[in-house]
Amino acid sequence: MQVMMLIQETPEDFADRNGPAAEAYWGKWMAFSAACGDKVVGGNILGDGSTGVTITVRDGERQIQDGPFADSKESLGGYMIFEVDSMDEAIELASNCPAAASAHVELRPTVDMNAG
């Protein structure tokens, strides 16, 4: 089964990506990725929420809002897709994610649209 881990990060986490703490920040992520090994089958790093836009259409009218839609201190920092045998296995992997210690991660099974 495939499970997507949505990685929420704090503003401080995003600042650590390029600041004085960048080496430690990326070191934790490299160690986590290495520990996950071949269980990771996809994923990507995202820019902080201020670099994105949220689009809604209401009554045929498009509305564009800068940044993330929800008023939250945390924003989506990236995602990983695990190929695992069970949700329990995904939980074990995600429990060691660096973002789980400063913000949170969310796991969701993916839906196979080709399954009949």
C-alpha atoms as a PDB file:
ATOM      1  CA  MET A   1       0.000   0.000   0.000  1.00  0.00           C
ATOM      2  CA  GLN A   2       1.081   3.570  -0.543  1.00  0.00           C
ATOM      3  CA  VAL A   3       0.759   6.148   2.207  1.00  0.00           C
ATOM      4  CA  MET A   4       1.436   9.859   1.811  1.00  0.00           C
ATOM      5  CA  MET A   5       3.001  11.741   4.687  1.00  0.00           C
ATOM      6  CA  LEU A   6       2.075  15.421   4.646  1.00  0.00           C
ATOM      7  CA  ILE A   7       4.808  17.315   6.467  1.00  0.00           C
ATOM      8  CA  GLN A   8       3.771  20.420   8.400  1.00  0.00           C
ATOM      9  CA  GLU A   9       6.544  22.760   9.526  1.00  0.00           C
ATOM     10  CA  THR A  10       6.762  25.853  11.690  1.00  0.00           C
ATOM     11  CA  PRO A  11       8.066  29.232  10.486  1.00  0.00           C
ATOM     12  CA  GLU A  12      11.224  28.466  12.470  1.00  0.00           C
ATOM     13  CA  ASP A  13      11.668  25.204  10.551  1.00  0.00           C
ATOM     14  CA  PHE A  14      11.447  27.077   7.255  1.00  0.00           C
ATOM     15  CA  ALA A  15      13.969  29.651   8.503  1.00  0.00           C
ATOM     16  CA  ASP A  16      16.358  26.858   9.523  1.00  0.00           C
ATOM     17  CA  ARG A  17      16.495  25.598   5.936  1.00  0.00           C
ATOM     18  CA  ASN A  18      18.783  28.465   4.897  1.00  0.00           C
ATOM     19  CA  GLY A  19      19.896  30.056   8.165  1.00  0.00           C
ATOM     20  CA  PRO A  20      22.729  29.308  10.567  1.00  0.00           C
ATOM     21  CA  ALA A  21      21.006  26.049  11.549  1.00  0.00           C
ATOM     22  CA  ALA A  22      20.752  24.788   7.944  1.00  0.00           C
ATOM     23  CA  GLU A  23      23.435  22.130   8.326  1.00  0.00           C
ATOM     24  CA  ALA A  24      21.713  20.605  11.371  1.00  0.00           C
ATOM     25  CA  TYR A  25      18.267  20.938   9.772  1.00  0.00           C
ATOM     26  CA  TRP A  26      19.256  19.154   6.555  1.00  0.00           C
ATOM     27  CA  GLY A  27      21.384  16.639   8.471  1.00  0.00           C
ATOM     28  CA  LYS A  28      18.294  15.451  10.366  1.00  0.00           C
ATOM     29  CA  TRP A  29      16.343  15.137   7.119  1.00  0.00           C
ATOM     30  CA  MET A  30      19.129  13.242   5.354  1.00  0.00           C
ATOM     31  CA  ALA A  31      19.373  10.819   8.289  1.00  0.00           C
ATOM     32  CA  PHE A  32      15.592  10.332   8.309  1.00  0.00           C
ATOM     33  CA  SER A  33      15.490   9.720   4.549  1.00  0.00           C
ATOM     34  CA  ALA A  34      18.354   7.238   4.789  1.00  0.00           C
ATOM     35  CA  ALA A  35      16.583   5.386   7.625  1.00  0.00           C
ATOM     36  CA  CYS A  36      13.425   5.105   5.498  1.00  0.00           C
ATOM     37  CA  GLY A  37      15.464   3.545   2.707  1.00  0.00           C
ATOM     38  CA  ASP A  38      13.517   2.087  -0.188  1.00  0.00           C
ATOM     39  CA  LYS A  39      10.197   2.624   1.619  1.00  0.00           C
ATOM     40  CA  VAL A  40      10.170   6.153   0.151  1.00  0.00           C
ATOM     41  CA  VAL A  41       8.858   5.992  -3.418  1.00  0.00           C
ATOM     42  CA  GLY A  42       8.119   9.681  -3.962  1.00  0.00           C
ATOM     43  CA  GLY A  43       8.031  13.092  -2.416  1.00  0.00           C
ATOM     44  CA  ASN A  44       9.274  16.632  -2.627  1.00  0.00           C
ATOM     45  CA  ILE A  45      10.233  19.687  -0.607  1.00  0.00           C
ATOM     46  CA  LEU A  46       7.915  22.681  -0.848  1.00  0.00           C
ATOM     47  CA  GLY A  47       8.616  26.378  -0.429  1.00  0.00           C
ATOM     48  CA  ASP A  48       7.071  28.086   2.576  1.00  0.00           C
ATOM     49  CA  GLY A  49       3.391  28.988   2.446  1.00  0.00           C
ATOM     50  CA  SER A  50       4.039  32.631   1.630  1.00  0.00           C
ATOM     51  CA  THR A  51       5.287  31.585  -1.825  1.00  0.00           C
ATOM     52  CA  GLY A  52       2.022  29.911  -2.820  1.00  0.00           C
ATOM     53  CA  VAL A  53      -1.522  30.925  -3.580  1.00  0.00           C
ATOM     54  CA  THR A  54      -4.883  29.440  -2.671  1.00  0.00           C
ATOM     55  CA  ILE A  55      -7.617  29.442  -5.315  1.00  0.00           C
ATOM     56  CA  THR A  56     -11.322  29.065  -4.694  1.00  0.00           C
ATOM     57  CA  VAL A  57     -14.249  29.450  -7.074  1.00  0.00           C
ATOM     58  CA  ARG A  58     -17.568  30.572  -5.591  1.00  0.00           C
ATOM     59  CA  ASP A  59     -20.609  31.269  -7.740  1.00  0.00           C
ATOM     60  CA  GLY A  60     -18.381  31.181 -10.827  1.00  0.00           C
ATOM     61  CA  GLU A  61     -16.063  33.836  -9.382  1.00  0.00           C
ATOM     62  CA  ARG A  62     -12.396  32.984  -8.911  1.00  0.00           C
ATOM     63  CA  GLN A  63     -10.780  34.178  -5.701  1.00  0.00           C
ATOM     64  CA  ILE A  64      -7.017  34.120  -5.205  1.00  0.00           C
ATOM     65  CA  GLN A  65      -5.410  34.458  -1.804  1.00  0.00           C
ATOM     66  CA  ASP A  66      -1.673  34.717  -1.229  1.00  0.00           C
ATOM     67  CA  GLY A  67      -0.201  32.051   0.989  1.00  0.00           C
ATOM     68  CA  PRO A  68      -1.926  29.134   2.684  1.00  0.00           C
ATOM     69  CA  PHE A  69      -5.681  29.265   3.194  1.00  0.00           C
ATOM     70  CA  ALA A  70      -5.825  28.278   6.860  1.00  0.00           C
ATOM     71  CA  ASP A  71      -4.734  30.709   9.538  1.00  0.00           C
ATOM     72  CA  SER A  72      -2.035  28.573  11.071  1.00  0.00           C
ATOM     73  CA  LYS A  73       1.511  29.040  12.227  1.00  0.00           C
ATOM     74  CA  GLU A  74       2.424  25.787  10.502  1.00  0.00           C
ATOM     75  CA  SER A  75       2.337  25.232   6.773  1.00  0.00           C
ATOM     76  CA  LEU A  76       2.918  22.351   4.391  1.00  0.00           C
ATOM     77  CA  GLY A  77       6.644  21.906   3.961  1.00  0.00           C
ATOM     78  CA  GLY A  78       6.678  18.820   1.798  1.00  0.00           C
ATOM     79  CA  TYR A  79       5.462  15.292   1.371  1.00  0.00           C
ATOM     80  CA  MET A  80       6.795  11.772   1.113  1.00  0.00           C
ATOM     81  CA  ILE A  81       5.103   8.705  -0.284  1.00  0.00           C
ATOM     82  CA  PHE A  82       5.850   5.430   1.429  1.00  0.00           C
ATOM     83  CA  GLU A  83       5.367   1.963  -0.021  1.00  0.00           C
ATOM     84  CA  VAL A  84       4.559  -0.100   3.062  1.00  0.00           C
ATOM     85  CA  ASP A  85       2.763  -3.280   4.084  1.00  0.00           C
ATOM     86  CA  SER A  86       0.487  -1.566   6.610  1.00  0.00           C
ATOM     87  CA  MET A  87      -0.518   1.752   8.156  1.00  0.00           C
ATOM     88  CA  ASP A  88       1.316   0.628  11.299  1.00  0.00           C
ATOM     89  CA  GLU A  89       4.548   0.478   9.294  1.00  0.00           C
ATOM     90  CA  ALA A  90       3.919   3.999   7.942  1.00  0.00           C
ATOM     91  CA  ILE A  91       3.286   5.231  11.488  1.00  0.00           C
ATOM     92  CA  GLU A  92       6.606   3.759  12.626  1.00  0.00           C
ATOM     93  CA  LEU A  93       8.438   5.552   9.806  1.00  0.00           C
ATOM     94  CA  ALA A  94       6.611   8.860  10.322  1.00  0.00           C
ATOM     95  CA  SER A  95       7.253   8.824  14.068  1.00  0.00           C
ATOM     96  CA  ASN A  96      10.917   9.502  13.335  1.00  0.00           C
ATOM     97  CA  CYS A  97      10.269  12.392  10.938  1.00  0.00           C
ATOM     98  CA  PRO A  98      12.049  15.583  12.106  1.00  0.00           C
ATOM     99  CA  ALA A  99       8.878  17.655  11.596  1.00  0.00           C
ATOM    100  CA  ALA A 100       6.958  15.471  14.062  1.00  0.00           C
ATOM    101  CA  ALA A 101       9.128  16.932  16.846  1.00  0.00           C
ATOM    102  CA  SER A 102       8.465  20.594  15.996  1.00  0.00           C
ATOM    103  CA  ALA A 103       5.079  20.601  14.226  1.00  0.00           C
ATOM    104  CA  HIS A 104       3.218  17.538  12.951  1.00  0.00           C
ATOM    105  CA  VAL A 105       2.874  15.082  10.119  1.00  0.00           C
ATOM    106  CA  GLU A 106      -0.273  13.544   8.693  1.00  0.00           C
ATOM    107  CA  LEU A 107      -0.543  10.136   7.060  1.00  0.00           C
ATOM    108  CA  ARG A 108      -3.127   9.243   4.445  1.00  0.00           C
ATOM    109  CA  PRO A 109      -3.391   6.121   2.323  1.00  0.00           C
ATOM    110  CA  THR A 110      -3.441   6.891  -1.373  1.00  0.00           C
ATOM    111  CA  VAL A 111      -6.343   5.713  -3.518  1.00  0.00           C
ATOM    112  CA  ASP A 112      -5.529   3.544  -6.525  1.00  0.00           C
ATOM    113  CA  MET A 113      -7.788   4.986  -9.225  1.00  0.00           C
ATOM    114  CA  ASN A 114      -6.948   2.026 -11.493  1.00  0.00           C
ATOM    115  CA  ALA A 115      -8.215  -0.598  -9.065  1.00  0.00           C
ATOM    116  CA  GLY A 116     -11.455  -2.089 -10.277  1.00  0.00           C
END
